[in-house]
Amino acid sequence: MTSAKSTNDRFEAEMNGRQPKGILALDIDGTLTGPDGEIGERTQRAVHHAGEAGWIVTIATGRSWAGTKPVADLLNLRLPIVSFNGALVRDSVTAEILHYIPLPQEIVGTVVPALVESGLQPMVTEDVRAGERTFVGPSEHDGEHTAYWLDYAQKNLNSTIERLPHGELAQIGHATRIVVFDAVERLRGIEQIGAGREADYRVHVNEVFGGETDWVQFMHPSSTKAYALEWLARQYGLTMSDVIAVGDGYNDVEMLAEAGFGVAMGNAFDDVKAHAEITIGHHLDDGLAAFIEERLLHVAHVQDLHELVE
């Protein structure tokens, strides 16, 4: 894979030779968007102004590439963006894969049967180099909320869904991730599937729908938003100390904790807020836009934000 540096000549030209102030990394759901899944006009303007002011604005999301690209286009982001919780960094204009860490087939062949044996329905996102289809087992094995997730993914995240027998599902080659979406009570103890295999893959549990449902992902151990942002920062000659990360979910914890300045949304869980330097307004109150307008546009570097909140 090529360096992100080679794909960003147009960005550097737009900067008119100025050095970037740093990176502003934004989660999508619950940060850029509200419950309706839309990005408000005020937030769109604020993000645009941040880019004009010299910040490298990118997305860092758990969404697939197909579900992320329309957001990047709406915001006119013309540089690398992070999707799949850090497994993939892709140029938002050319779609060139710049950084990618999938699960190997051996892990797919281990995790899928373990999930099936536990009475759960695995959903496997294929290697993005081959496409981005989601393969799932026969419908009679769907959990209480599996069908809801598949319908949502097709309608809102541009996902293509294909059913396969579980035996074929376990034989898929490299995979971007393996997902289970089900009621909390059906998923209790799912972390034990990864016990002792932490060096091979990680199990990430994210609560949704007010804690009624869990969205569980099995991913490469280095597949975090923080890891991807650190890689991206290096391409610009920057470090994580030059990154401002904004998010609200459990999959944002690493980037909030490791960024130079972590910003939690007002709607974030309390234990997510604990990893950030500050908590800003709720997404229903344009919290992100207010942060950009009232603080970010008035500073020249990430360190200046620390001085503002001290």
Protein backbone atom coordinates (compact mmCIF):
# COMPACT_ATOMS: atom_id res chain seq x y z
CA MET A 1 0.00 0.00 0.00
CA THR A 2 1.23 3.47 -0.81
CA SER A 3 1.80 6.27 1.63
CA ALA A 4 -1.04 8.68 2.29
CA LYS A 5 1.46 11.43 1.54
CA SER A 6 1.42 10.55 -2.16
CA THR A 7 -2.36 10.94 -2.37
CA ASN A 8 -2.60 14.33 -0.74
CA ASP A 9 -0.94 16.71 -3.19
CA ARG A 10 -4.30 18.39 -3.74
CA PHE A 11 -4.76 18.88 0.00
CA GLU A 12 -1.34 20.44 0.36
CA ALA A 13 -2.15 22.74 -2.56
CA GLU A 14 -5.36 23.79 -0.86
CA MET A 15 -3.31 24.66 2.24
CA ASN A 16 -1.32 27.13 0.10
CA GLY A 17 1.94 25.97 1.59
CA ARG A 18 0.78 26.41 5.20
CA GLN A 19 1.58 23.79 7.78
CA PRO A 20 -1.53 22.04 9.13
CA LYS A 21 -2.46 23.02 12.68
CA GLY A 22 -3.26 19.41 13.52
CA ILE A 23 -5.85 16.72 12.87
CA LEU A 24 -9.51 16.95 13.86
CA ALA A 25 -10.87 13.38 13.92
CA LEU A 26 -14.65 13.06 14.11
CA ASP A 27 -16.84 10.09 14.89
CA ILE A 28 -20.09 9.94 12.87
CA ASP A 29 -23.02 8.44 14.77
CA GLY A 30 -23.83 10.45 17.89
CA THR A 31 -21.14 13.02 17.07
CA LEU A 32 -21.65 14.38 13.57
CA THR A 33 -25.18 12.99 13.41
CA GLY A 34 -28.16 12.96 15.74
CA PRO A 35 -30.86 10.31 16.17
CA ASP A 36 -32.23 11.04 12.69
CA GLY A 37 -28.88 10.16 11.12
CA GLU A 38 -28.58 13.61 9.55
CA ILE A 39 -25.77 16.17 9.85
CA GLY A 40 -27.16 19.61 10.63
CA GLU A 41 -26.30 22.62 8.49
CA ARG A 42 -24.57 24.35 11.39
CA THR A 43 -22.33 21.34 11.93
CA GLN A 44 -21.55 21.13 8.22
CA ARG A 45 -20.54 24.81 8.17
CA ALA A 46 -18.40 24.43 11.29
CA VAL A 47 -16.53 21.43 9.87
CA HIS A 48 -15.92 23.35 6.64
CA HIS A 49 -14.58 26.34 8.58
CA ALA A 50 -12.23 24.08 10.57
CA GLY A 51 -10.70 22.86 7.32
CA GLU A 52 -10.39 26.42 6.01
CA ALA A 53 -8.64 27.40 9.24
CA GLY A 54 -5.87 24.86 8.63
CA TRP A 55 -7.03 21.74 10.46
CA ILE A 56 -6.88 18.36 8.72
CA VAL A 57 -10.47 17.21 9.21
CA THR A 58 -11.05 13.47 8.96
CA ILE A 59 -13.61 10.88 9.99
CA ALA A 60 -12.90 8.04 12.42
CA THR A 61 -15.89 5.71 12.56
CA GLY A 62 -17.00 2.16 13.18
CA ARG A 63 -19.04 2.33 9.99
CA SER A 64 -18.06 0.49 6.85
CA TRP A 65 -16.37 2.34 3.99
CA ALA A 66 -19.64 2.26 2.03
CA GLY A 67 -21.43 3.83 4.98
CA THR A 68 -18.70 6.42 5.52
CA LYS A 69 -18.04 7.67 1.98
CA PRO A 70 -21.37 9.54 1.62
CA VAL A 71 -20.63 11.44 4.85
CA ALA A 72 -17.16 12.39 3.62
CA ASP A 73 -18.69 13.58 0.34
CA LEU A 74 -21.35 15.64 2.13
CA LEU A 75 -18.63 17.35 4.19
CA ASN A 76 -16.36 17.67 1.13
CA LEU A 77 -13.50 15.90 2.88
CA ARG A 78 -10.80 15.26 0.29
CA LEU A 79 -8.22 13.27 2.23
CA PRO A 80 -7.84 9.90 3.97
CA ILE A 81 -10.63 8.78 6.30
CA VAL A 82 -10.79 6.02 8.93
CA SER A 83 -13.55 3.40 8.88
CA PHE A 84 -14.26 -0.06 10.31
CA ASN A 85 -13.05 1.09 13.75
CA GLY A 86 -9.54 1.65 12.45
CA ALA A 87 -9.14 -1.45 10.29
CA LEU A 88 -9.18 0.68 7.14
CA VAL A 89 -7.79 4.04 6.05
CA ARG A 90 -8.87 4.94 2.53
CA ASP A 91 -8.53 8.03 0.37
CA SER A 92 -11.94 9.69 0.31
CA VAL A 93 -11.58 10.79 -3.34
CA THR A 94 -9.76 7.96 -5.11
CA ALA A 95 -10.84 5.15 -2.72
CA GLU A 96 -7.20 4.00 -2.64
CA ILE A 97 -6.54 1.68 0.30
CA LEU A 98 -3.74 3.23 2.34
CA HIS A 99 -3.75 1.22 5.56
CA TYR A 100 -5.62 -2.04 6.16
CA ILE A 101 -5.41 -4.74 8.84
CA PRO A 102 -7.96 -7.53 8.26
CA LEU A 103 -8.55 -10.76 10.14
CA PRO A 104 -6.77 -13.76 8.56
CA GLN A 105 -8.76 -16.81 7.44
CA GLU A 106 -7.51 -18.84 10.40
CA ILE A 107 -9.29 -16.48 12.78
CA VAL A 108 -12.48 -16.48 10.70
CA GLY A 109 -12.40 -20.27 10.78
CA THR A 110 -12.07 -20.18 14.57
CA VAL A 111 -14.54 -17.45 15.54
CA VAL A 112 -17.45 -18.31 13.23
CA PRO A 113 -17.88 -21.91 14.53
CA ALA A 114 -17.51 -20.69 18.14
CA LEU A 115 -20.33 -18.19 17.63
CA VAL A 116 -22.56 -20.76 15.95
CA GLU A 117 -21.91 -23.23 18.78
CA SER A 118 -23.02 -20.50 21.21
CA GLY A 119 -26.32 -20.14 19.36
CA LEU A 120 -25.38 -16.81 17.79
CA GLN A 121 -25.56 -15.59 14.20
CA PRO A 122 -22.19 -14.39 12.83
CA MET A 123 -22.02 -11.70 10.15
CA VAL A 124 -18.74 -11.52 8.25
CA THR A 125 -17.63 -8.45 6.30
CA GLU A 126 -15.49 -9.66 3.42
CA ASP A 127 -11.98 -8.46 2.65
CA VAL A 128 -12.40 -4.91 1.31
CA ARG A 129 -9.90 -5.72 -1.43
CA ALA A 130 -12.53 -8.08 -2.81
CA GLY A 131 -15.53 -5.85 -2.14
CA GLU A 132 -17.53 -5.08 0.96
CA ARG A 133 -20.33 -7.59 1.13
CA THR A 134 -21.68 -8.83 4.46
CA PHE A 135 -22.05 -12.61 4.59
CA VAL A 136 -24.44 -14.04 7.17
CA GLY A 137 -25.69 -17.51 8.03
CA PRO A 138 -29.15 -18.95 7.24
CA SER A 139 -32.07 -16.79 8.43
CA GLU A 140 -33.43 -19.46 10.79
CA HIS A 141 -30.38 -18.80 13.00
CA ASP A 142 -30.99 -15.03 13.25
CA GLY A 143 -31.15 -13.62 16.75
CA GLU A 144 -33.85 -11.30 18.03
CA HIS A 145 -32.32 -8.20 16.47
CA THR A 146 -30.22 -9.62 13.61
CA ALA A 147 -32.84 -8.90 10.96
CA TYR A 148 -33.15 -5.32 12.16
CA TRP A 149 -29.41 -4.75 11.80
CA LEU A 150 -29.27 -6.30 8.34
CA ASP A 151 -32.18 -4.16 7.17
CA TYR A 152 -30.56 -1.04 8.64
CA ALA A 153 -27.21 -1.84 7.05
CA GLN A 154 -28.77 -2.28 3.63
CA LYS A 155 -30.86 0.88 3.78
CA ASN A 156 -28.48 3.24 5.58
CA LEU A 157 -24.94 1.90 5.19
CA ASN A 158 -25.06 0.77 1.57
CA SER A 159 -24.29 -2.81 2.58
CA THR A 160 -24.85 -5.82 0.31
CA ILE A 161 -26.08 -8.85 2.27
CA GLU A 162 -25.59 -12.47 1.17
CA ARG A 163 -26.70 -15.62 3.04
CA LEU A 164 -24.33 -18.60 3.25
CA PRO A 165 -24.36 -21.93 5.12
CA HIS A 166 -22.33 -21.63 8.30
CA GLY A 167 -19.74 -24.04 6.94
CA GLU A 168 -19.07 -21.76 3.96
CA LEU A 169 -19.12 -18.72 6.23
CA ALA A 170 -16.26 -20.21 8.26
CA GLN A 171 -14.21 -20.75 5.09
CA ILE A 172 -14.23 -17.13 3.91
CA GLY A 173 -10.71 -15.82 3.44
CA HIS A 174 -9.53 -12.58 4.99
CA ALA A 175 -12.33 -10.59 6.62
CA THR A 176 -12.51 -6.98 7.74
CA ARG A 177 -14.51 -7.96 10.80
CA ILE A 178 -16.99 -10.45 12.25
CA VAL A 179 -20.11 -8.97 13.85
CA VAL A 180 -22.91 -10.18 16.10
CA PHE A 181 -25.92 -7.93 16.72
CA ASP A 182 -28.35 -9.25 19.30
CA ALA A 183 -30.15 -8.73 22.61
CA VAL A 184 -27.85 -8.23 25.60
CA GLU A 185 -29.08 -11.34 27.43
CA ARG A 186 -28.18 -13.53 24.44
CA LEU A 187 -24.67 -12.10 24.32
CA ARG A 188 -23.66 -12.40 27.95
CA GLY A 189 -20.21 -13.92 28.21
CA ILE A 190 -19.37 -13.48 24.54
CA GLU A 191 -15.99 -12.00 25.51
CA GLN A 192 -14.96 -15.48 26.64
CA ILE A 193 -14.75 -16.53 22.99
CA GLY A 194 -11.65 -14.35 22.77
CA ALA A 195 -10.12 -15.40 26.09
CA GLY A 196 -6.48 -16.28 25.57
CA ARG A 197 -6.54 -15.11 21.97
CA GLU A 198 -5.98 -11.41 22.61
CA ALA A 199 -2.84 -11.42 20.43
CA ASP A 200 -4.89 -12.77 17.49
CA TYR A 201 -8.08 -10.71 17.66
CA ARG A 202 -10.01 -8.43 19.96
CA VAL A 203 -13.65 -8.56 21.01
CA HIS A 204 -15.29 -5.15 21.12
CA VAL A 205 -18.73 -4.81 22.73
CA ASN A 206 -20.71 -1.63 22.06
CA GLU A 207 -24.09 -0.98 23.70
CA VAL A 208 -26.85 0.40 21.47
CA PHE A 209 -30.53 1.22 21.87
CA GLY A 210 -30.18 2.26 25.51
CA GLY A 211 -28.34 -0.87 26.55
CA GLU A 212 -30.98 -3.30 25.24
CA THR A 213 -28.78 -4.56 22.44
CA ASP A 214 -25.08 -5.20 21.95
CA TRP A 215 -23.12 -4.79 18.75
CA VAL A 216 -20.12 -7.10 19.12
CA GLN A 217 -17.19 -6.98 16.72
CA PHE A 218 -14.29 -9.38 16.37
CA MET A 219 -11.38 -7.51 14.79
CA HIS A 220 -7.62 -7.48 14.39
CA PRO A 221 -6.02 -6.55 17.76
CA SER A 222 -4.51 -3.39 16.22
CA SER A 223 -7.81 -2.33 14.70
CA THR A 224 -8.63 0.74 16.78
CA LYS A 225 -9.38 4.30 15.79
CA ALA A 226 -6.36 5.42 17.81
CA TYR A 227 -3.96 3.09 15.96
CA ALA A 228 -5.26 4.27 12.58
CA LEU A 229 -5.05 7.94 13.56
CA GLU A 230 -1.49 7.50 14.80
CA TRP A 231 -0.61 5.96 11.42
CA LEU A 232 -2.36 8.78 9.58
CA ALA A 233 -0.67 11.49 11.65
CA ARG A 234 2.75 10.09 10.74
CA GLN A 235 2.00 10.53 7.05
CA TYR A 236 1.70 14.27 7.66
CA GLY A 237 4.77 14.47 9.89
CA LEU A 238 2.54 14.76 12.97
CA THR A 239 2.02 12.69 16.12
CA MET A 240 -0.96 11.81 18.29
CA SER A 241 -0.25 14.92 20.34
CA ASP A 242 -1.39 16.87 17.26
CA VAL A 243 -4.74 15.06 17.11
CA ILE A 244 -8.09 16.27 18.47
CA ALA A 245 -10.53 13.35 18.69
CA VAL A 246 -14.27 13.79 19.16
CA GLY A 247 -16.63 10.89 19.92
CA ASP A 248 -19.36 9.46 22.09
CA GLY A 249 -19.17 5.64 22.07
CA TYR A 250 -17.13 2.85 23.59
CA ASN A 251 -15.30 2.39 20.29
CA ASP A 252 -14.02 5.96 20.73
CA VAL A 253 -12.33 5.34 24.09
CA GLU A 254 -8.86 4.58 22.71
CA MET A 255 -8.73 7.64 20.47
CA LEU A 256 -10.10 9.93 23.18
CA ALA A 257 -7.48 8.66 25.63
CA GLU A 258 -4.52 8.66 23.24
CA ALA A 259 -5.19 11.84 21.24
CA GLY A 260 -3.51 15.09 22.15
CA PHE A 261 -6.95 16.36 23.13
CA GLY A 262 -9.97 14.11 23.64
CA VAL A 263 -13.45 15.60 23.36
CA ALA A 264 -16.52 13.65 24.52
CA MET A 265 -20.00 14.52 23.35
CA GLY A 266 -22.59 15.42 25.97
CA ASN A 267 -24.57 12.35 24.95
CA ALA A 268 -21.61 10.00 25.58
CA PHE A 269 -21.68 7.34 28.28
CA ASP A 270 -20.14 8.54 31.56
CA ASP A 271 -17.31 6.00 31.40
CA VAL A 272 -16.50 7.24 27.89
CA LYS A 273 -16.43 10.84 29.09
CA ALA A 274 -13.88 9.82 31.72
CA HIS A 275 -11.27 9.30 28.98
CA ALA A 276 -11.63 12.80 27.49
CA GLU A 277 -10.18 16.17 28.50
CA ILE A 278 -13.54 17.87 28.16
CA THR A 279 -17.19 17.10 27.56
CA ILE A 280 -19.04 19.37 25.15
CA GLY A 281 -22.71 19.81 24.30
CA HIS A 282 -25.16 17.10 23.32
CA HIS A 283 -25.51 16.32 19.61
CA LEU A 284 -29.12 17.51 19.84
CA ASP A 285 -27.74 20.94 20.80
CA ASP A 286 -25.11 21.15 18.04
CA GLY A 287 -22.39 20.39 20.57
CA LEU A 288 -19.73 19.68 17.95
CA ALA A 289 -20.49 22.83 15.98
CA ALA A 290 -20.33 24.96 19.13
CA PHE A 291 -16.97 23.43 20.09
CA ILE A 292 -15.50 24.21 16.68
CA GLU A 293 -16.94 27.74 16.54
CA GLU A 294 -16.18 28.78 20.11
CA ARG A 295 -12.86 27.05 20.72
CA LEU A 296 -11.16 25.34 17.80
CA LEU A 297 -11.33 28.26 15.38
CA HIS A 298 -9.61 30.48 17.94
CA VAL A 299 -6.50 28.37 18.55
CA ALA A 300 -3.38 27.68 16.49
CA HIS A 301 -2.42 24.31 17.97
CA VAL A 302 -3.80 21.47 20.07
CA GLN A 303 -1.79 22.64 23.08
CA ASP A 304 -3.72 25.90 23.06
CA LEU A 305 -6.90 23.97 23.85
CA HIS A 306 -5.34 22.63 27.03
CA GLU A 307 -4.62 26.18 28.12
CA LEU A 308 -8.21 27.19 27.43
CA VAL A 309 -9.66 24.51 29.70
CA GLU A 310 -7.12 24.78 32.53
